Amino acid sequence: MIKSAKRAAPDPVPPLVVGDVRYEVIHFGRREGLDQNGGYIVAKTDKTGEVLWTLKVYDVVYDPNGKEGDSQDVFITTMRKMWFRPKLWIADELGRRFVVDLNSKTVSP
C-alpha cells in the first residue's frame, strides 16, 4: 500500500482591519461550504464579526487525474492594505498577485 504525504497546513495570514471592517483569509473554504480550499477572503464587521461578504479572489483548478486534492490546493500567503486606496494586495503560493477593490468587490491581476 502506497501512502501519500499530506501537505502541511498553510501559514496563517493575519486579518486586516480597515475602518470598521475586518478582512480575513479563508484557507479551508470547503469546510465552510465553498467550492475550493484557498483563494477566498471574507469581510466581517470588526465589532460583531457579522459576515458582510465573501469573495473568491482566484480559482483553484483541480485535476481529477492528478495529485490528491489537498496537494492541489493553492492558498493565499499575503494580504496587505494598499496605501491611500480602498484596495487589498493579495499573493498566493504560486507567486501570483491580485488586487481586490473593496468598494466594487472586484479582483484584478
PDB file of N, CA and C in Angstrom:
ATOM      1  N   MET A   1       0.841  -1.174   0.000  1.00  0.00           N
ATOM      2  CA  MET A   1       0.000   0.000   0.000  1.00  0.00           C
ATOM      3  C   MET A   1       0.888   1.239   0.000  1.00  0.00           C
ATOM      4  N   ILE A   2       0.607   2.150  -0.894  1.00  0.00           N
ATOM      5  CA  ILE A   2       1.389   3.378  -1.002  1.00  0.00           C
ATOM      6  C   ILE A   2       0.712   4.467  -0.191  1.00  0.00           C
ATOM      7  N   LYS A   3       1.467   5.064   0.686  1.00  0.00           N
ATOM      8  CA  LYS A   3       0.931   6.173   1.463  1.00  0.00           C
ATOM      9  C   LYS A   3       1.280   7.467   0.758  1.00  0.00           C
ATOM     10  N   SER A   4       0.342   8.391   0.789  1.00  0.00           N
ATOM     11  CA  SER A   4       0.636   9.694   0.196  1.00  0.00           C
ATOM     12  C   SER A   4       0.925  10.680   1.311  1.00  0.00           C
ATOM     13  N   ALA A   5       1.849  11.551   1.057  1.00  0.00           N
ATOM     14  CA  ALA A   5       2.201  12.559   2.051  1.00  0.00           C
ATOM     15  C   ALA A   5       1.178  13.682   2.001  1.00  0.00           C
ATOM     16  N   LYS A   6       0.631  14.003   3.144  1.00  0.00           N
ATOM     17  CA  LYS A   6      -0.288  15.134   3.223  1.00  0.00           C
ATOM     18  C   LYS A   6       0.549  16.402   3.280  1.00  0.00           C
ATOM     19  N   ARG A   7       0.038  17.435   2.654  1.00  0.00           N
ATOM     20  CA  ARG A   7       0.762  18.699   2.685  1.00  0.00           C
ATOM     21  C   ARG A   7       0.587  19.346   4.052  1.00  0.00           C
ATOM     22  N   ALA A   8       1.527  20.170   4.412  1.00  0.00           N
ATOM     23  CA  ALA A   8       1.438  20.903   5.671  1.00  0.00           C
ATOM     24  C   ALA A   8       0.346  21.957   5.561  1.00  0.00           C
ATOM     25  N   ALA A   9      -0.246  22.271   6.687  1.00  0.00           N
ATOM     26  CA  ALA A   9      -1.265  23.328   6.706  1.00  0.00           C
ATOM     27  C   ALA A   9      -0.616  24.651   6.306  1.00  0.00           C
ATOM     28  N   PRO A  10      -1.366  25.514   5.637  1.00  0.00           N
ATOM     29  CA  PRO A  10      -0.799  26.808   5.249  1.00  0.00           C
ATOM     30  C   PRO A  10      -0.560  27.687   6.467  1.00  0.00           C
ATOM     31  N   ASP A  11       0.405  28.581   6.345  1.00  0.00           N
ATOM     32  CA  ASP A  11       0.644  29.538   7.421  1.00  0.00           C
ATOM     33  C   ASP A  11      -0.550  30.467   7.544  1.00  0.00           C
ATOM     34  N   PRO A  12      -0.891  30.855   8.774  1.00  0.00           N
ATOM     35  CA  PRO A  12      -1.996  31.801   8.933  1.00  0.00           C
ATOM     36  C   PRO A  12      -1.639  33.157   8.337  1.00  0.00           C
ATOM     37  N   VAL A  13      -2.641  33.831   7.798  1.00  0.00           N
ATOM     38  CA  VAL A  13      -2.476  35.183   7.267  1.00  0.00           C
ATOM     39  C   VAL A  13      -3.220  36.110   8.221  1.00  0.00           C
ATOM     40  N   PRO A  14      -2.533  37.077   8.826  1.00  0.00           N
ATOM     41  CA  PRO A  14      -3.202  37.950   9.796  1.00  0.00           C
ATOM     42  C   PRO A  14      -4.350  38.730   9.158  1.00  0.00           C
ATOM     43  N   PRO A  15      -5.455  38.894   9.899  1.00  0.00           N
ATOM     44  CA  PRO A  15      -6.555  39.706   9.378  1.00  0.00           C
ATOM     45  C   PRO A  15      -6.151  41.174   9.317  1.00  0.00           C
ATOM     46  N   LEU A  16      -6.861  41.920   8.482  1.00  0.00           N
ATOM     47  CA  LEU A  16      -6.642  43.362   8.367  1.00  0.00           C
ATOM     48  C   LEU A  16      -7.924  44.075   8.765  1.00  0.00           C
ATOM     49  N   VAL A  17      -7.791  45.168   9.490  1.00  0.00           N
ATOM     50  CA  VAL A  17      -8.949  45.984   9.829  1.00  0.00           C
ATOM     51  C   VAL A  17      -8.813  47.306   9.096  1.00  0.00           C
ATOM     52  N   VAL A  18      -9.842  47.632   8.319  1.00  0.00           N
ATOM     53  CA  VAL A  18      -9.901  48.893   7.581  1.00  0.00           C
ATOM     54  C   VAL A  18     -11.220  49.543   7.975  1.00  0.00           C
ATOM     55  N   GLY A  19     -11.137  50.667   8.680  1.00  0.00           N
ATOM     56  CA  GLY A  19     -12.356  51.282   9.195  1.00  0.00           C
ATOM     57  C   GLY A  19     -12.987  50.351  10.215  1.00  0.00           C
ATOM     58  N   ASP A  20     -14.243  50.017  10.013  1.00  0.00           N
ATOM     59  CA  ASP A  20     -14.925  49.105  10.935  1.00  0.00           C
ATOM     60  C   ASP A  20     -15.130  47.715  10.331  1.00  0.00           C
ATOM     61  N   VAL A  21     -14.336  47.396   9.302  1.00  0.00           N
ATOM     62  CA  VAL A  21     -14.445  46.092   8.636  1.00  0.00           C
ATOM     63  C   VAL A  21     -13.141  45.317   8.801  1.00  0.00           C
ATOM     64  N   ARG A  22     -13.288  44.034   9.163  1.00  0.00           N
ATOM     65  CA  ARG A  22     -12.132  43.141   9.294  1.00  0.00           C
ATOM     66  C   ARG A  22     -12.133  42.185   8.100  1.00  0.00           C
ATOM     67  N   TYR A  23     -11.004  42.083   7.419  1.00  0.00           N
ATOM     68  CA  TYR A  23     -10.840  41.204   6.258  1.00  0.00           C
ATOM     69  C   TYR A  23      -9.990  40.015   6.679  1.00  0.00           C
ATOM     70  N   GLU A  24     -10.490  38.817   6.390  1.00  0.00           N
ATOM     71  CA  GLU A  24      -9.799  37.591   6.771  1.00  0.00           C
ATOM     72  C   GLU A  24      -9.651  36.676   5.560  1.00  0.00           C
ATOM     73  N   VAL A  25      -8.594  35.891   5.563  1.00  0.00           N
ATOM     74  CA  VAL A  25      -8.381  34.857   4.547  1.00  0.00           C
ATOM     75  C   VAL A  25      -9.104  33.596   5.007  1.00  0.00           C
ATOM     76  N   ILE A  26      -9.797  32.948   4.084  1.00  0.00           N
ATOM     77  CA  ILE A  26     -10.417  31.647   4.361  1.00  0.00           C
ATOM     78  C   ILE A  26      -9.541  30.589   3.693  1.00  0.00           C
ATOM     79  N   HIS A  27      -8.803  29.839   4.493  1.00  0.00           N
ATOM     80  CA  HIS A  27      -7.943  28.805   3.915  1.00  0.00           C
ATOM     81  C   HIS A  27      -8.742  27.565   3.509  1.00  0.00           C
ATOM     82  N   PHE A  28      -9.614  27.112   4.373  1.00  0.00           N
ATOM     83  CA  PHE A  28     -10.309  25.848   4.122  1.00  0.00           C
ATOM     84  C   PHE A  28     -11.779  26.104   3.806  1.00  0.00           C
ATOM     85  N   GLY A  29     -12.008  26.629   2.609  1.00  0.00           N
ATOM     86  CA  GLY A  29     -13.345  27.006   2.176  1.00  0.00           C
ATOM     87  C   GLY A  29     -14.312  25.836   2.079  1.00  0.00           C
ATOM     88  N   ARG A  30     -13.817  24.669   1.740  1.00  0.00           N
ATOM     89  CA  ARG A  30     -14.711  23.506   1.605  1.00  0.00           C
ATOM     90  C   ARG A  30     -15.371  23.172   2.936  1.00  0.00           C
ATOM     91  N   ARG A  31     -14.687  23.424   4.026  1.00  0.00           N
ATOM     92  CA  ARG A  31     -15.277  23.198   5.353  1.00  0.00           C
ATOM     93  C   ARG A  31     -16.447  24.147   5.609  1.00  0.00           C
ATOM     94  N   GLU A  32     -16.453  25.261   4.890  1.00  0.00           N
ATOM     95  CA  GLU A  32     -17.492  26.277   5.075  1.00  0.00           C
ATOM     96  C   GLU A  32     -18.504  26.275   3.931  1.00  0.00           C
ATOM     97  N   GLY A  33     -18.498  25.203   3.139  1.00  0.00           N
ATOM     98  CA  GLY A  33     -19.477  25.067   2.070  1.00  0.00           C
ATOM     99  C   GLY A  33     -19.095  25.748   0.767  1.00  0.00           C
ATOM    100  N   LEU A  34     -17.859  26.218   0.654  1.00  0.00           N
ATOM    101  CA  LEU A  34     -17.396  26.843  -0.583  1.00  0.00           C
ATOM    102  C   LEU A  34     -16.869  25.767  -1.527  1.00  0.00           C
ATOM    103  N   ASP A  35     -16.594  26.137  -2.760  1.00  0.00           N
ATOM    104  CA  ASP A  35     -16.239  25.152  -3.781  1.00  0.00           C
ATOM    105  C   ASP A  35     -14.765  24.764  -3.830  1.00  0.00           C
ATOM    106  N   GLN A  36     -13.924  25.424  -3.037  1.00  0.00           N
ATOM    107  CA  GLN A  36     -12.493  25.112  -3.082  1.00  0.00           C
ATOM    108  C   GLN A  36     -11.835  25.541  -1.781  1.00  0.00           C
ATOM    109  N   ASN A  37     -10.647  24.999  -1.543  1.00  0.00           N
ATOM    110  CA  ASN A  37      -9.788  25.465  -0.454  1.00  0.00           C
ATOM    111  C   ASN A  37      -8.834  26.491  -1.027  1.00  0.00           C
ATOM    112  N   GLY A  38      -8.656  27.594  -0.322  1.00  0.00           N
ATOM    113  CA  GLY A  38      -7.779  28.662  -0.782  1.00  0.00           C
ATOM    114  C   GLY A  38      -8.484  29.596  -1.736  1.00  0.00           C
ATOM    115  N   GLY A  39      -7.961  30.819  -1.814  1.00  0.00           N
ATOM    116  CA  GLY A  39      -8.459  31.775  -2.791  1.00  0.00           C
ATOM    117  C   GLY A  39      -9.641  32.612  -2.367  1.00  0.00           C
ATOM    118  N   TYR A  40     -10.074  32.498  -1.128  1.00  0.00           N
ATOM    119  CA  TYR A  40     -11.224  33.273  -0.649  1.00  0.00           C
ATOM    120  C   TYR A  40     -10.826  34.228   0.466  1.00  0.00           C
ATOM    121  N   ILE A  41     -11.513  35.387   0.498  1.00  0.00           N
ATOM    122  CA  ILE A  41     -11.441  36.287   1.643  1.00  0.00           C
ATOM    123  C   ILE A  41     -12.867  36.556   2.105  1.00  0.00           C
ATOM    124  N   VAL A  42     -12.987  36.985   3.349  1.00  0.00           N
ATOM    125  CA  VAL A  42     -14.293  37.330   3.906  1.00  0.00           C
ATOM    126  C   VAL A  42     -14.177  38.679   4.605  1.00  0.00           C
ATOM    127  N   ALA A  43     -15.223  39.494   4.473  1.00  0.00           N
ATOM    128  CA  ALA A  43     -15.307  40.784   5.159  1.00  0.00           C
ATOM    129  C   ALA A  43     -16.333  40.645   6.276  1.00  0.00           C
ATOM    130  N   LYS A  44     -15.945  41.076   7.483  1.00  0.00           N
ATOM    131  CA  LYS A  44     -16.827  40.996   8.649  1.00  0.00           C
ATOM    132  C   LYS A  44     -16.819  42.334   9.374  1.00  0.00           C
ATOM    133  N   THR A  45     -17.899  42.610  10.092  1.00  0.00           N
ATOM    134  CA  THR A  45     -17.868  43.801  10.935  1.00  0.00           C
ATOM    135  C   THR A  45     -16.852  43.535  12.040  1.00  0.00           C
ATOM    136  N   ASP A  46     -16.045  44.528  12.341  1.00  0.00           N
ATOM    137  CA  ASP A  46     -14.996  44.333  13.335  1.00  0.00           C
ATOM    138  C   ASP A  46     -15.585  44.152  14.732  1.00  0.00           C
ATOM    139  N   LYS A  47     -16.689  44.818  15.010  1.00  0.00           N
ATOM    140  CA  LYS A  47     -17.271  44.743  16.357  1.00  0.00           C
ATOM    141  C   LYS A  47     -17.981  43.426  16.619  1.00  0.00           C
ATOM    142  N   THR A  48     -18.811  42.989  15.690  1.00  0.00           N
ATOM    143  CA  THR A  48     -19.660  41.820  15.952  1.00  0.00           C
ATOM    144  C   THR A  48     -19.206  40.552  15.240  1.00  0.00           C
ATOM    145  N   GLY A  49     -18.389  40.689  14.206  1.00  0.00           N
ATOM    146  CA  GLY A  49     -17.974  39.521  13.435  1.00  0.00           C
ATOM    147  C   GLY A  49     -19.004  39.075  12.417  1.00  0.00           C
ATOM    148  N   GLU A  50     -20.064  39.868  12.240  1.00  0.00           N
ATOM    149  CA  GLU A  50     -21.090  39.531  11.244  1.00  0.00           C
ATOM    150  C   GLU A  50     -20.469  39.542   9.846  1.00  0.00           C
ATOM    151  N   VAL A  51     -20.757  38.500   9.074  1.00  0.00           N
ATOM    152  CA  VAL A  51     -20.220  38.407   7.714  1.00  0.00           C
ATOM    153  C   VAL A  51     -20.948  39.398   6.817  1.00  0.00           C
ATOM    154  N   LEU A  52     -20.168  40.248   6.146  1.00  0.00           N
ATOM    155  CA  LEU A  52     -20.718  41.219   5.201  1.00  0.00           C
ATOM    156  C   LEU A  52     -20.719  40.651   3.789  1.00  0.00           C
ATOM    157  N   TRP A  53     -19.608  40.036   3.400  1.00  0.00           N
ATOM    158  CA  TRP A  53     -19.496  39.413   2.085  1.00  0.00           C
ATOM    159  C   TRP A  53     -18.287  38.489   2.054  1.00  0.00           C
ATOM    160  N   THR A  54     -18.340  37.571   1.094  1.00  0.00           N
ATOM    161  CA  THR A  54     -17.248  36.636   0.833  1.00  0.00           C
ATOM    162  C   THR A  54     -16.897  36.769  -0.641  1.00  0.00           C
ATOM    163  N   LEU A  55     -15.601  36.736  -0.944  1.00  0.00           N
ATOM    164  CA  LEU A  55     -15.162  36.939  -2.324  1.00  0.00           C
ATOM    165  C   LEU A  55     -14.129  35.891  -2.717  1.00  0.00           C
ATOM    166  N   LYS A  56     -14.327  35.288  -3.890  1.00  0.00           N
ATOM    167  CA  LYS A  56     -13.314  34.393  -4.455  1.00  0.00           C
ATOM    168  C   LYS A  56     -12.320  35.261  -5.215  1.00  0.00           C
ATOM    169  N   VAL A  57     -11.062  35.226  -4.784  1.00  0.00           N
ATOM    170  CA  VAL A  57     -10.010  36.025  -5.409  1.00  0.00           C
ATOM    171  C   VAL A  57      -9.494  35.330  -6.666  1.00  0.00           C
ATOM    172  N   TYR A  58      -9.394  34.012  -6.635  1.00  0.00           N
ATOM    173  CA  TYR A  58      -8.929  33.246  -7.798  1.00  0.00           C
ATOM    174  C   TYR A  58      -9.504  31.837  -7.732  1.00  0.00           C
ATOM    175  N   ASP A  59      -9.505  31.184  -8.883  1.00  0.00           N
ATOM    176  CA  ASP A  59      -9.951  29.794  -8.977  1.00  0.00           C
ATOM    177  C   ASP A  59      -8.781  28.857  -8.716  1.00  0.00           C
ATOM    178  N   VAL A  60      -9.065  27.767  -8.028  1.00  0.00           N
ATOM    179  CA  VAL A  60      -8.126  26.660  -7.904  1.00  0.00           C
ATOM    180  C   VAL A  60      -8.638  25.581  -8.853  1.00  0.00           C
ATOM    181  N   VAL A  61      -7.797  25.187  -9.808  1.00  0.00           N
ATOM    182  CA  VAL A  61      -8.193  24.174 -10.789  1.00  0.00           C
ATOM    183  C   VAL A  61      -7.687  22.820 -10.298  1.00  0.00           C
ATOM    184  N   TYR A  62      -8.629  21.925 -10.048  1.00  0.00           N
ATOM    185  CA  TYR A  62      -8.284  20.589  -9.568  1.00  0.00           C
ATOM    186  C   TYR A  62      -8.287  19.611 -10.736  1.00  0.00           C
ATOM    187  N   ASP A  63      -7.209  18.835 -10.857  1.00  0.00           N
ATOM    188  CA  ASP A  63      -7.107  17.798 -11.882  1.00  0.00           C
ATOM    189  C   ASP A  63      -7.551  16.483 -11.241  1.00  0.00           C
ATOM    190  N   PRO A  64      -8.700  15.934 -11.652  1.00  0.00           N
ATOM    191  CA  PRO A  64      -9.189  14.702 -11.027  1.00  0.00           C
ATOM    192  C   PRO A  64      -8.253  13.512 -11.237  1.00  0.00           C
ATOM    193  N   ASN A  65      -7.389  13.586 -12.236  1.00  0.00           N
ATOM    194  CA  ASN A  65      -6.443  12.503 -12.504  1.00  0.00           C
ATOM    195  C   ASN A  65      -5.055  12.803 -11.950  1.00  0.00           C
ATOM    196  N   GLY A  66      -4.933  13.927 -11.281  1.00  0.00           N
ATOM    197  CA  GLY A  66      -3.634  14.347 -10.761  1.00  0.00           C
ATOM    198  C   GLY A  66      -3.433  13.939  -9.316  1.00  0.00           C
ATOM    199  N   LYS A  67      -2.659  14.745  -8.626  1.00  0.00           N
ATOM    200  CA  LYS A  67      -2.342  14.500  -7.225  1.00  0.00           C
ATOM    201  C   LYS A  67      -3.610  14.562  -6.374  1.00  0.00           C
ATOM    202  N   GLU A  68      -3.467  14.161  -5.114  1.00  0.00           N
ATOM    203  CA  GLU A  68      -4.589  14.276  -4.188  1.00  0.00           C
ATOM    204  C   GLU A  68      -5.050  15.725  -4.134  1.00  0.00           C
ATOM    205  N   GLY A  69      -6.331  15.901  -3.860  1.00  0.00           N
ATOM    206  CA  GLY A  69      -6.916  17.237  -3.843  1.00  0.00           C
ATOM    207  C   GLY A  69      -6.200  18.215  -2.947  1.00  0.00           C
ATOM    208  N   ASP A  70      -5.806  17.774  -1.739  1.00  0.00           N
ATOM    209  CA  ASP A  70      -5.151  18.716  -0.830  1.00  0.00           C
ATOM    210  C   ASP A  70      -3.778  19.138  -1.347  1.00  0.00           C
ATOM    211  N   SER A  71      -3.166  18.330  -2.177  1.00  0.00           N
ATOM    212  CA  SER A  71      -1.880  18.711  -2.773  1.00  0.00           C
ATOM    213  C   SER A  71      -2.054  19.732  -3.883  1.00  0.00           C
ATOM    214  N   GLN A  72      -3.279  19.856  -4.386  1.00  0.00           N
ATOM    215  CA  GLN A  72      -3.556  20.798  -5.464  1.00  0.00           C
ATOM    216  C   GLN A  72      -4.101  22.134  -4.948  1.00  0.00           C
ATOM    217  N   ASP A  73      -4.451  22.203  -3.663  1.00  0.00           N
ATOM    218  CA  ASP A  73      -4.950  23.458  -3.100  1.00  0.00           C
ATOM    219  C   ASP A  73      -3.888  24.542  -3.241  1.00  0.00           C
ATOM    220  N   VAL A  74      -4.316  25.771  -3.481  1.00  0.00           N
ATOM    221  CA  VAL A  74      -3.406  26.915  -3.592  1.00  0.00           C
ATOM    222  C   VAL A  74      -3.912  27.977  -2.622  1.00  0.00           C
ATOM    223  N   PHE A  75      -3.096  28.282  -1.619  1.00  0.00           N
ATOM    224  CA  PHE A  75      -3.527  29.168  -0.549  1.00  0.00           C
ATOM    225  C   PHE A  75      -2.966  30.581  -0.681  1.00  0.00           C
ATOM    226  N   ILE A  76      -3.701  31.513  -0.122  1.00  0.00           N
ATOM    227  CA  ILE A  76      -3.245  32.901  -0.018  1.00  0.00           C
ATOM    228  C   ILE A  76      -2.129  32.946   1.017  1.00  0.00           C
ATOM    229  N   THR A  77      -1.046  33.644   0.701  1.00  0.00           N
ATOM    230  CA  THR A  77       0.092  33.756   1.619  1.00  0.00           C
ATOM    231  C   THR A  77       0.240  35.150   2.214  1.00  0.00           C
ATOM    232  N   THR A  78      -0.248  36.160   1.501  1.00  0.00           N
ATOM    233  CA  THR A  78      -0.061  37.549   1.928  1.00  0.00           C
ATOM    234  C   THR A  78      -1.310  38.354   1.615  1.00  0.00           C
ATOM    235  N   MET A  79      -1.684  39.228   2.551  1.00  0.00           N
ATOM    236  CA  MET A  79      -2.778  40.172   2.315  1.00  0.00           C
ATOM    237  C   MET A  79      -2.366  41.489   2.964  1.00  0.00           C
ATOM    238  N   ARG A  80      -2.342  42.545   2.160  1.00  0.00           N
ATOM    239  CA  ARG A  80      -1.940  43.870   2.657  1.00  0.00           C
ATOM    240  C   ARG A  80      -2.912  44.927   2.170  1.00  0.00           C
ATOM    241  N   LYS A  81      -3.066  45.964   2.948  1.00  0.00           N
ATOM    242  CA  LYS A  81      -3.864  47.121   2.540  1.00  0.00           C
ATOM    243  C   LYS A  81      -2.975  48.007   1.691  1.00  0.00           C
ATOM    244  N   MET A  82      -3.493  48.470   0.554  1.00  0.00           N
ATOM    245  CA  MET A  82      -2.737  49.387  -0.303  1.00  0.00           C
ATOM    246  C   MET A  82      -2.869  50.803   0.262  1.00  0.00           C
ATOM    247  N   TRP A  83      -1.778  51.521   0.265  1.00  0.00           N
ATOM    248  CA  TRP A  83      -1.759  52.873   0.816  1.00  0.00           C
ATOM    249  C   TRP A  83      -2.700  53.791   0.048  1.00  0.00           C
ATOM    250  N   PHE A  84      -3.474  54.553   0.784  1.00  0.00           N
ATOM    251  CA  PHE A  84      -4.332  55.616   0.243  1.00  0.00           C
ATOM    252  C   PHE A  84      -5.345  55.126  -0.780  1.00  0.00           C
ATOM    253  N   ARG A  85      -5.647  53.852  -0.784  1.00  0.00           N
ATOM    254  CA  ARG A  85      -6.631  53.302  -1.716  1.00  0.00           C
ATOM    255  C   ARG A  85      -7.487  52.277  -0.978  1.00  0.00           C
ATOM    256  N   PRO A  86      -8.750  52.166  -1.342  1.00  0.00           N
ATOM    257  CA  PRO A  86      -9.597  51.133  -0.724  1.00  0.00           C
ATOM    258  C   PRO A  86      -9.393  49.785  -1.426  1.00  0.00           C
ATOM    259  N   LYS A  87      -8.155  49.286  -1.370  1.00  0.00           N
ATOM    260  CA  LYS A  87      -7.815  48.049  -2.072  1.00  0.00           C
ATOM    261  C   LYS A  87      -6.908  47.176  -1.210  1.00  0.00           C
ATOM    262  N   LEU A  88      -7.001  45.866  -1.444  1.00  0.00           N
ATOM    263  CA  LEU A  88      -6.113  44.902  -0.808  1.00  0.00           C
ATOM    264  C   LEU A  88      -5.199  44.299  -1.860  1.00  0.00           C
ATOM    265  N   TRP A  89      -3.952  44.085  -1.473  1.00  0.00           N
ATOM    266  CA  TRP A  89      -2.970  43.405  -2.320  1.00  0.00           C
ATOM    267  C   TRP A  89      -2.833  42.002  -1.758  1.00  0.00           C
ATOM    268  N   ILE A  90      -3.013  41.001  -2.620  1.00  0.00           N
ATOM    269  CA  ILE A  90      -3.016  39.608  -2.180  1.00  0.00           C
ATOM    270  C   ILE A  90      -2.052  38.803  -3.048  1.00  0.00           C
ATOM    271  N   ALA A  91      -1.304  37.891  -2.411  1.00  0.00           N
ATOM    272  CA  ALA A  91      -0.412  36.977  -3.137  1.00  0.00           C
ATOM    273  C   ALA A  91      -0.748  35.547  -2.725  1.00  0.00           C
ATOM    274  N   ASP A  92      -0.511  34.603  -3.650  1.00  0.00           N
ATOM    275  CA  ASP A  92      -0.765  33.196  -3.345  1.00  0.00           C
ATOM    276  C   ASP A  92       0.532  32.388  -3.396  1.00  0.00           C
ATOM    277  N   GLU A  93       0.410  31.098  -3.120  1.00  0.00           N
ATOM    278  CA  GLU A  93       1.577  30.212  -3.069  1.00  0.00           C
ATOM    279  C   GLU A  93       2.289  30.061  -4.404  1.00  0.00           C
ATOM    280  N   LEU A  94       1.609  30.355  -5.485  1.00  0.00           N
ATOM    281  CA  LEU A  94       2.236  30.246  -6.806  1.00  0.00           C
ATOM    282  C   LEU A  94       2.945  31.532  -7.215  1.00  0.00           C
ATOM    283  N   GLY A  95       2.928  32.538  -6.336  1.00  0.00           N
ATOM    284  CA  GLY A  95       3.575  33.808  -6.639  1.00  0.00           C
ATOM    285  C   GLY A  95       2.699  34.770  -7.417  1.00  0.00           C
ATOM    286  N   ARG A  96       1.447  34.390  -7.646  1.00  0.00           N
ATOM    287  CA  ARG A  96       0.540  35.296  -8.355  1.00  0.00           C
ATOM    288  C   ARG A  96       0.101  36.407  -7.414  1.00  0.00           C
ATOM    289  N   ARG A  97      -0.186  37.561  -8.012  1.00  0.00           N
ATOM    290  CA  ARG A  97      -0.601  38.726  -7.229  1.00  0.00           C
ATOM    291  C   ARG A  97      -1.942  39.222  -7.752  1.00  0.00           C
ATOM    292  N   PHE A  98      -2.763  39.688  -6.812  1.00  0.00           N
ATOM    293  CA  PHE A  98      -4.100  40.154  -7.146  1.00  0.00           C
ATOM    294  C   PHE A  98      -4.392  41.424  -6.360  1.00  0.00           C
ATOM    295  N   VAL A  99      -5.248  42.264  -6.926  1.00  0.00           N
ATOM    296  CA  VAL A  99      -5.709  43.463  -6.237  1.00  0.00           C
ATOM    297  C   VAL A  99      -7.221  43.357  -6.102  1.00  0.00           C
ATOM    298  N   VAL A 100      -7.701  43.503  -4.871  1.00  0.00           N
ATOM    299  CA  VAL A 100      -9.135  43.465  -4.595  1.00  0.00           C
ATOM    300  C   VAL A 100      -9.593  44.881  -4.297  1.00  0.00           C
ATOM    301  N   ASP A 101     -10.538  45.371  -5.091  1.00  0.00           N
ATOM    302  CA  ASP A 101     -11.141  46.683  -4.855  1.00  0.00           C
ATOM    303  C   ASP A 101     -12.239  46.486  -3.814  1.00  0.00           C
ATOM    304  N   LEU A 102     -12.086  47.107  -2.652  1.00  0.00           N
ATOM    305  CA  LEU A 102     -13.026  46.897  -1.560  1.00  0.00           C
ATOM    306  C   LEU A 102     -14.371  47.560  -1.806  1.00  0.00           C
ATOM    307  N   ASN A 103     -14.413  48.577  -2.648  1.00  0.00           N
ATOM    308  CA  ASN A 103     -15.684  49.237  -2.953  1.00  0.00           C
ATOM    309  C   ASN A 103     -16.519  48.422  -3.936  1.00  0.00           C
ATOM    310  N   SER A 104     -15.899  47.981  -5.019  1.00  0.00           N
ATOM    311  CA  SER A 104     -16.638  47.250  -6.055  1.00  0.00           C
ATOM    312  C   SER A 104     -16.605  45.737  -5.851  1.00  0.00           C
ATOM    313  N   LYS A 105     -15.753  45.272  -4.930  1.00  0.00           N
ATOM    314  CA  LYS A 105     -15.572  43.838  -4.676  1.00  0.00           C
ATOM    315  C   LYS A 105     -15.174  43.092  -5.952  1.00  0.00           C
ATOM    316  N   THR A 106     -14.271  43.697  -6.694  1.00  0.00           N
ATOM    317  CA  THR A 106     -13.753  43.085  -7.914  1.00  0.00           C
ATOM    318  C   THR A 106     -12.271  42.772  -7.745  1.00  0.00           C
ATOM    319  N   VAL A 107     -11.790  41.845  -8.557  1.00  0.00           N
ATOM    320  CA  VAL A 107     -10.402  41.395  -8.488  1.00  0.00           C
ATOM    321  C   VAL A 107      -9.731  41.671  -9.819  1.00  0.00           C
ATOM    322  N   SER A 108      -8.502  42.192  -9.754  1.00  0.00           N
ATOM    323  CA  SER A 108      -7.702  42.360 -10.966  1.00  0.00           C
ATOM    324  C   SER A 108      -6.310  41.797 -10.704  1.00  0.00           C
ATOM    325  N   PRO A 109      -5.643  41.338 -11.783  1.00  0.00           N
ATOM    326  CA  PRO A 109      -4.295  40.765 -11.610  1.00  0.00           C
ATOM    327  C   PRO A 109      -3.271  41.842 -11.306  1.00  0.00           C
TER     328      PRO A 109
END
